Amino acid sequence: SIIISLLQILENKIDSKKFKSEFLCYCLPGVLIGIFFILRFEEVINFKLIAGIMLLLSGLIRIDKSLSKTNDVLKKNSKKIHFFNGIIHGLTNMGGGFLALLSSSIFQDKINIKNNIAFGYLLMGTLQYSLFFFLVDSFYYRYTHVLVGISLFSFFILGKILFAKISNFFFKNLITFLIIIYGFITTITQTLRYI
């Protein structure tokens, strides 16, 4: 995710000062809090199950405009959402869904949405990787170079071609759909651990 996010930012340099400054001030401290909390309480609470349920509900609410004006709520509470998202990502490594939800609610253009998701992913991933590299024994993954190769292939061969062909409307709906699917799969897999 770090490699792909960096490539996306370099490809489309869009200045979204408010989003980025709020992300730096509120989300990154939340990531730190989440990481140190998970290192202490990972065995006690299933944070991934909680995050999965929240992603699923967020996506479903976003579909039905009559239940909630999700975009307006997220825009008005963007600082709180950034902080909350940071904690979720630090706890579960699943902040990408909420980051995509917030970005697609604030911005209308798919390039703006993608660029700000990439900005957030890059910083969250780099912060996480740096901390775990020093705090967790045997954190290095021996096949990292393979994953980097897959990332480059995904970006240049799949991502750029598909992204250029889809509309803003389709892209926003795709994000909502993926959030629901991701939330559903996470909720089911984490629930099955207790059966």
C-alpha atoms as a PDB file:
ATOM      1  CA  SER A   1       0.000   0.000   0.000  1.00  0.00           C
ATOM      2  CA  ILE A   2       2.929   2.350   0.667  1.00  0.00           C
ATOM      3  CA  ILE A   3       4.337   1.813  -2.844  1.00  0.00           C
ATOM      4  CA  ILE A   4       0.999   2.213  -4.633  1.00  0.00           C
ATOM      5  CA  SER A   5       0.031   5.278  -2.584  1.00  0.00           C
ATOM      6  CA  LEU A   6       3.347   6.966  -3.334  1.00  0.00           C
ATOM      7  CA  LEU A   7       2.963   6.319  -7.072  1.00  0.00           C
ATOM      8  CA  GLN A   8      -0.588   7.692  -7.041  1.00  0.00           C
ATOM      9  CA  ILE A   9       0.518  10.892  -5.311  1.00  0.00           C
ATOM     10  CA  LEU A  10       3.408  11.408  -7.725  1.00  0.00           C
ATOM     11  CA  GLU A  11       1.087  10.852 -10.678  1.00  0.00           C
ATOM     12  CA  ASN A  12      -1.574  13.378  -9.633  1.00  0.00           C
ATOM     13  CA  LYS A  13      -0.282  16.247  -7.514  1.00  0.00           C
ATOM     14  CA  ILE A  14      -3.458  17.851  -6.195  1.00  0.00           C
ATOM     15  CA  ASP A  15      -3.384  20.363  -3.366  1.00  0.00           C
ATOM     16  CA  SER A  16      -6.073  19.714  -0.732  1.00  0.00           C
ATOM     17  CA  LYS A  17      -4.669  21.734   2.147  1.00  0.00           C
ATOM     18  CA  LYS A  18      -7.630  21.446   4.522  1.00  0.00           C
ATOM     19  CA  PHE A  19      -7.943  17.673   4.173  1.00  0.00           C
ATOM     20  CA  LYS A  20      -4.199  17.099   4.493  1.00  0.00           C
ATOM     21  CA  SER A  21      -3.701  19.445   7.449  1.00  0.00           C
ATOM     22  CA  GLU A  22      -6.616  17.847   9.329  1.00  0.00           C
ATOM     23  CA  PHE A  23      -5.218  14.415   8.532  1.00  0.00           C
ATOM     24  CA  LEU A  24      -1.791  15.339   9.922  1.00  0.00           C
ATOM     25  CA  CYS A  25      -3.180  16.993  13.061  1.00  0.00           C
ATOM     26  CA  TYR A  26      -5.875  14.479  13.964  1.00  0.00           C
ATOM     27  CA  CYS A  27      -5.461  11.157  12.161  1.00  0.00           C
ATOM     28  CA  LEU A  28      -1.760  10.443  12.726  1.00  0.00           C
ATOM     29  CA  PRO A  29      -1.943  10.989  16.517  1.00  0.00           C
ATOM     30  CA  GLY A  30      -4.920   8.625  16.472  1.00  0.00           C
ATOM     31  CA  VAL A  31      -2.829   5.986  14.693  1.00  0.00           C
ATOM     32  CA  LEU A  32      -0.186   6.245  17.421  1.00  0.00           C
ATOM     33  CA  ILE A  33      -2.801   5.842  20.149  1.00  0.00           C
ATOM     34  CA  GLY A  34      -4.309   2.845  18.357  1.00  0.00           C
ATOM     35  CA  ILE A  35      -0.937   1.119  17.879  1.00  0.00           C
ATOM     36  CA  PHE A  36       0.103   1.406  21.503  1.00  0.00           C
ATOM     37  CA  PHE A  37      -3.367   0.322  22.617  1.00  0.00           C
ATOM     38  CA  ILE A  38      -3.327  -2.789  20.396  1.00  0.00           C
ATOM     39  CA  LEU A  39       0.095  -3.785  21.690  1.00  0.00           C
ATOM     40  CA  ARG A  40      -1.394  -3.906  25.191  1.00  0.00           C
ATOM     41  CA  PHE A  41      -4.928  -5.241  24.638  1.00  0.00           C
ATOM     42  CA  GLU A  42      -4.828  -7.293  21.424  1.00  0.00           C
ATOM     43  CA  GLU A  43      -5.568 -10.544  23.287  1.00  0.00           C
ATOM     44  CA  VAL A  44      -8.536  -9.091  25.195  1.00  0.00           C
ATOM     45  CA  ILE A  45     -10.692  -7.319  22.595  1.00  0.00           C
ATOM     46  CA  ASN A  46     -11.401  -8.274  18.976  1.00  0.00           C
ATOM     47  CA  PHE A  47     -10.938  -4.848  17.425  1.00  0.00           C
ATOM     48  CA  LYS A  48     -11.199  -6.197  13.871  1.00  0.00           C
ATOM     49  CA  LEU A  49     -14.722  -7.478  14.507  1.00  0.00           C
ATOM     50  CA  ILE A  50     -15.765  -4.066  15.830  1.00  0.00           C
ATOM     51  CA  ALA A  51     -14.197  -2.299  12.821  1.00  0.00           C
ATOM     52  CA  GLY A  52     -15.819  -4.764  10.396  1.00  0.00           C
ATOM     53  CA  ILE A  53     -19.293  -4.129  11.818  1.00  0.00           C
ATOM     54  CA  MET A  54     -18.742  -0.365  11.699  1.00  0.00           C
ATOM     55  CA  LEU A  55     -17.567  -0.486   8.076  1.00  0.00           C
ATOM     56  CA  LEU A  56     -20.557  -2.609   7.097  1.00  0.00           C
ATOM     57  CA  LEU A  57     -23.038  -0.267   8.784  1.00  0.00           C
ATOM     58  CA  SER A  58     -21.326   2.834   7.353  1.00  0.00           C
ATOM     59  CA  GLY A  59     -21.535   1.469   3.830  1.00  0.00           C
ATOM     60  CA  LEU A  60     -25.196   0.454   4.193  1.00  0.00           C
ATOM     61  CA  ILE A  61     -26.174   3.846   5.611  1.00  0.00           C
ATOM     62  CA  ARG A  62     -24.331   5.517   2.750  1.00  0.00           C
ATOM     63  CA  ILE A  63     -26.484   3.618   0.220  1.00  0.00           C
ATOM     64  CA  ASP A  64     -29.812   4.742   1.670  1.00  0.00           C
ATOM     65  CA  LYS A  65     -29.886   8.526   1.487  1.00  0.00           C
ATOM     66  CA  SER A  66     -33.209   8.607   3.347  1.00  0.00           C
ATOM     67  CA  LEU A  67     -31.632   7.160   6.488  1.00  0.00           C
ATOM     68  CA  SER A  68     -28.808   9.652   6.759  1.00  0.00           C
ATOM     69  CA  LYS A  69     -27.161  12.462   4.825  1.00  0.00           C
ATOM     70  CA  THR A  70     -23.823  10.740   5.258  1.00  0.00           C
ATOM     71  CA  ASN A  71     -21.801  13.185   3.217  1.00  0.00           C
ATOM     72  CA  ASP A  72     -22.979  16.220   5.197  1.00  0.00           C
ATOM     73  CA  VAL A  73     -22.378  14.504   8.538  1.00  0.00           C
ATOM     74  CA  LEU A  74     -18.853  13.448   7.551  1.00  0.00           C
ATOM     75  CA  LYS A  75     -17.959  16.897   6.215  1.00  0.00           C
ATOM     76  CA  LYS A  76     -19.158  18.685   9.362  1.00  0.00           C
ATOM     77  CA  ASN A  77     -17.287  16.272  11.622  1.00  0.00           C
ATOM     78  CA  SER A  78     -14.191  15.688   9.490  1.00  0.00           C
ATOM     79  CA  LYS A  79     -11.719  16.372  12.334  1.00  0.00           C
ATOM     80  CA  LYS A  80     -13.422  13.860  14.623  1.00  0.00           C
ATOM     81  CA  ILE A  81     -13.644  11.334  11.791  1.00  0.00           C
ATOM     82  CA  HIS A  82      -9.924  11.746  11.063  1.00  0.00           C
ATOM     83  CA  PHE A  83      -9.042  11.111  14.714  1.00  0.00           C
ATOM     84  CA  PHE A  84     -11.424   8.162  14.950  1.00  0.00           C
ATOM     85  CA  ASN A  85     -10.063   6.728  11.709  1.00  0.00           C
ATOM     86  CA  GLY A  86      -6.506   6.999  13.009  1.00  0.00           C
ATOM     87  CA  ILE A  87      -7.379   5.017  16.124  1.00  0.00           C
ATOM     88  CA  ILE A  88      -9.198   2.381  14.042  1.00  0.00           C
ATOM     89  CA  HIS A  89      -6.242   2.036  11.689  1.00  0.00           C
ATOM     90  CA  GLY A  90      -3.771   1.765  14.544  1.00  0.00           C
ATOM     91  CA  LEU A  91      -5.908  -0.903  16.201  1.00  0.00           C
ATOM     92  CA  THR A  92      -6.931  -2.966  13.186  1.00  0.00           C
ATOM     93  CA  ASN A  93      -5.022  -1.827  10.083  1.00  0.00           C
ATOM     94  CA  MET A  94      -8.489  -1.236   8.575  1.00  0.00           C
ATOM     95  CA  GLY A  95      -8.586   2.547   8.455  1.00  0.00           C
ATOM     96  CA  GLY A  96      -8.527   2.538   4.671  1.00  0.00           C
ATOM     97  CA  GLY A  97     -12.266   1.952   4.466  1.00  0.00           C
ATOM     98  CA  PHE A  98     -13.107   4.946   6.632  1.00  0.00           C
ATOM     99  CA  LEU A  99     -10.480   7.035   4.838  1.00  0.00           C
ATOM    100  CA  ALA A 100     -12.124   6.205   1.494  1.00  0.00           C
ATOM    101  CA  LEU A 101     -15.551   6.938   2.963  1.00  0.00           C
ATOM    102  CA  LEU A 102     -14.476  10.376   4.198  1.00  0.00           C
ATOM    103  CA  SER A 103     -12.576  11.327   1.045  1.00  0.00           C
ATOM    104  CA  SER A 104     -15.419  10.319  -1.275  1.00  0.00           C
ATOM    105  CA  SER A 105     -17.860  12.307   0.861  1.00  0.00           C
ATOM    106  CA  ILE A 106     -15.794  15.503   0.783  1.00  0.00           C
ATOM    107  CA  PHE A 107     -14.636  15.407  -2.845  1.00  0.00           C
ATOM    108  CA  GLN A 108     -16.626  14.841  -6.033  1.00  0.00           C
ATOM    109  CA  ASP A 109     -13.859  14.248  -8.567  1.00  0.00           C
ATOM    110  CA  LYS A 110     -12.362  10.742  -8.654  1.00  0.00           C
ATOM    111  CA  ILE A 111      -8.787  12.077  -8.971  1.00  0.00           C
ATOM    112  CA  ASN A 112      -9.222  14.180  -5.817  1.00  0.00           C
ATOM    113  CA  ILE A 113     -10.742  11.225  -4.000  1.00  0.00           C
ATOM    114  CA  LYS A 114      -7.958   8.856  -5.037  1.00  0.00           C
ATOM    115  CA  ASN A 115      -5.181  11.340  -4.306  1.00  0.00           C
ATOM    116  CA  ASN A 116      -6.359  12.059  -0.769  1.00  0.00           C
ATOM    117  CA  ILE A 117      -6.896   8.372  -0.009  1.00  0.00           C
ATOM    118  CA  ALA A 118      -3.353   7.741  -1.265  1.00  0.00           C
ATOM    119  CA  PHE A 119      -1.984  10.584   0.867  1.00  0.00           C
ATOM    120  CA  GLY A 120      -3.598   9.133   3.982  1.00  0.00           C
ATOM    121  CA  TYR A 121      -2.598   5.560   3.208  1.00  0.00           C
ATOM    122  CA  LEU A 122       1.002   6.568   2.566  1.00  0.00           C
ATOM    123  CA  LEU A 123       1.381   8.343   5.899  1.00  0.00           C
ATOM    124  CA  MET A 124      -0.537   5.772   7.948  1.00  0.00           C
ATOM    125  CA  GLY A 125       1.352   2.890   6.371  1.00  0.00           C
ATOM    126  CA  THR A 126       4.741   4.523   6.760  1.00  0.00           C
ATOM    127  CA  LEU A 127       4.068   5.399  10.397  1.00  0.00           C
ATOM    128  CA  GLN A 128       2.832   1.887  11.171  1.00  0.00           C
ATOM    129  CA  TYR A 129       5.673   0.159   9.389  1.00  0.00           C
ATOM    130  CA  SER A 130       8.292   2.342  11.071  1.00  0.00           C
ATOM    131  CA  LEU A 131       6.903   1.759  14.560  1.00  0.00           C
ATOM    132  CA  PHE A 132       6.400  -1.991  14.190  1.00  0.00           C
ATOM    133  CA  PHE A 133       9.831  -2.358  12.645  1.00  0.00           C
ATOM    134  CA  PHE A 134      11.367  -1.120  15.901  1.00  0.00           C
ATOM    135  CA  LEU A 135       8.766  -2.388  18.395  1.00  0.00           C
ATOM    136  CA  VAL A 136       7.977  -5.916  17.155  1.00  0.00           C
ATOM    137  CA  ASP A 137      10.475  -8.762  16.913  1.00  0.00           C
ATOM    138  CA  SER A 138      10.841 -10.477  13.503  1.00  0.00           C
ATOM    139  CA  PHE A 139       8.629  -7.907  11.795  1.00  0.00           C
ATOM    140  CA  TYR A 140      10.573  -7.996   8.513  1.00  0.00           C
ATOM    141  CA  TYR A 141       8.890 -10.098   5.815  1.00  0.00           C
ATOM    142  CA  ARG A 142      11.356 -12.017   3.646  1.00  0.00           C
ATOM    143  CA  TYR A 143       9.208 -11.750   0.497  1.00  0.00           C
ATOM    144  CA  THR A 144       8.756  -7.985   0.618  1.00  0.00           C
ATOM    145  CA  HIS A 145      10.391  -7.598  -2.805  1.00  0.00           C
ATOM    146  CA  VAL A 146       7.720  -9.882  -4.315  1.00  0.00           C
ATOM    147  CA  LEU A 147       4.947  -7.738  -2.850  1.00  0.00           C
ATOM    148  CA  VAL A 148       6.609  -4.604  -4.242  1.00  0.00           C
ATOM    149  CA  GLY A 149       6.633  -6.222  -7.702  1.00  0.00           C
ATOM    150  CA  ILE A 150       2.943  -7.108  -7.423  1.00  0.00           C
ATOM    151  CA  SER A 151       2.193  -3.536  -6.320  1.00  0.00           C
ATOM    152  CA  LEU A 152       3.983  -2.061  -9.329  1.00  0.00           C
ATOM    153  CA  PHE A 153       2.153  -4.438 -11.694  1.00  0.00           C
ATOM    154  CA  SER A 154      -1.197  -3.591 -10.103  1.00  0.00           C
ATOM    155  CA  PHE A 155      -0.595   0.141 -10.419  1.00  0.00           C
ATOM    156  CA  PHE A 156       0.767   0.361 -13.954  1.00  0.00           C
ATOM    157  CA  ILE A 157      -1.083  -2.489 -15.674  1.00  0.00           C
ATOM    158  CA  LEU A 158      -4.411  -2.691 -13.859  1.00  0.00           C
ATOM    159  CA  GLY A 159      -4.994   0.479 -11.851  1.00  0.00           C
ATOM    160  CA  LYS A 160      -4.163   3.170 -14.387  1.00  0.00           C
ATOM    161  CA  ILE A 161      -6.071   1.537 -17.239  1.00  0.00           C
ATOM    162  CA  LEU A 162      -9.233   0.818 -15.265  1.00  0.00           C
ATOM    163  CA  PHE A 163      -9.218   4.140 -13.401  1.00  0.00           C
ATOM    164  CA  ALA A 164      -9.064   6.148 -16.637  1.00  0.00           C
ATOM    165  CA  LYS A 165     -12.176   4.410 -18.000  1.00  0.00           C
ATOM    166  CA  ILE A 166     -14.577   4.797 -15.059  1.00  0.00           C
ATOM    167  CA  SER A 167     -16.719   7.839 -14.249  1.00  0.00           C
ATOM    168  CA  ASN A 168     -16.765   9.828 -11.016  1.00  0.00           C
ATOM    169  CA  PHE A 169     -20.231   8.458 -10.206  1.00  0.00           C
ATOM    170  CA  PHE A 170     -19.160   4.865 -10.746  1.00  0.00           C
ATOM    171  CA  PHE A 171     -15.978   5.383  -8.710  1.00  0.00           C
ATOM    172  CA  LYS A 172     -17.881   6.726  -5.693  1.00  0.00           C
ATOM    173  CA  ASN A 173     -20.383   3.866  -5.861  1.00  0.00           C
ATOM    174  CA  LEU A 174     -17.532   1.381  -6.231  1.00  0.00           C
ATOM    175  CA  ILE A 175     -15.955   2.707  -3.023  1.00  0.00           C
ATOM    176  CA  THR A 176     -19.251   2.246  -1.159  1.00  0.00           C
ATOM    177  CA  PHE A 177     -19.648  -1.282  -2.542  1.00  0.00           C
ATOM    178  CA  LEU A 178     -16.083  -2.267  -1.583  1.00  0.00           C
ATOM    179  CA  ILE A 179     -16.543  -0.860   1.926  1.00  0.00           C
ATOM    180  CA  ILE A 180     -19.681  -2.982   2.389  1.00  0.00           C
ATOM    181  CA  ILE A 181     -17.992  -6.120   1.037  1.00  0.00           C
ATOM    182  CA  TYR A 182     -14.871  -5.551   3.132  1.00  0.00           C
ATOM    183  CA  GLY A 183     -16.951  -4.910   6.247  1.00  0.00           C
ATOM    184  CA  PHE A 184     -19.098  -8.002   5.596  1.00  0.00           C
ATOM    185  CA  ILE A 185     -16.128 -10.327   5.005  1.00  0.00           C
ATOM    186  CA  THR A 186     -14.285  -9.001   8.060  1.00  0.00           C
ATOM    187  CA  THR A 187     -17.362  -9.358  10.278  1.00  0.00           C
ATOM    188  CA  ILE A 188     -18.005 -12.929   9.114  1.00  0.00           C
ATOM    189  CA  THR A 189     -14.386 -14.122   9.378  1.00  0.00           C
ATOM    190  CA  GLN A 190     -13.918 -12.592  12.817  1.00  0.00           C
ATOM    191  CA  THR A 191     -17.247 -13.990  14.049  1.00  0.00           C
ATOM    192  CA  LEU A 192     -16.299 -17.480  12.860  1.00  0.00           C
ATOM    193  CA  ARG A 193     -13.354 -17.383  15.245  1.00  0.00           C
ATOM    194  CA  TYR A 194     -15.820 -17.756  18.124  1.00  0.00           C
ATOM    195  CA  ILE A 195     -17.773 -20.672  16.640  1.00  0.00           C
END
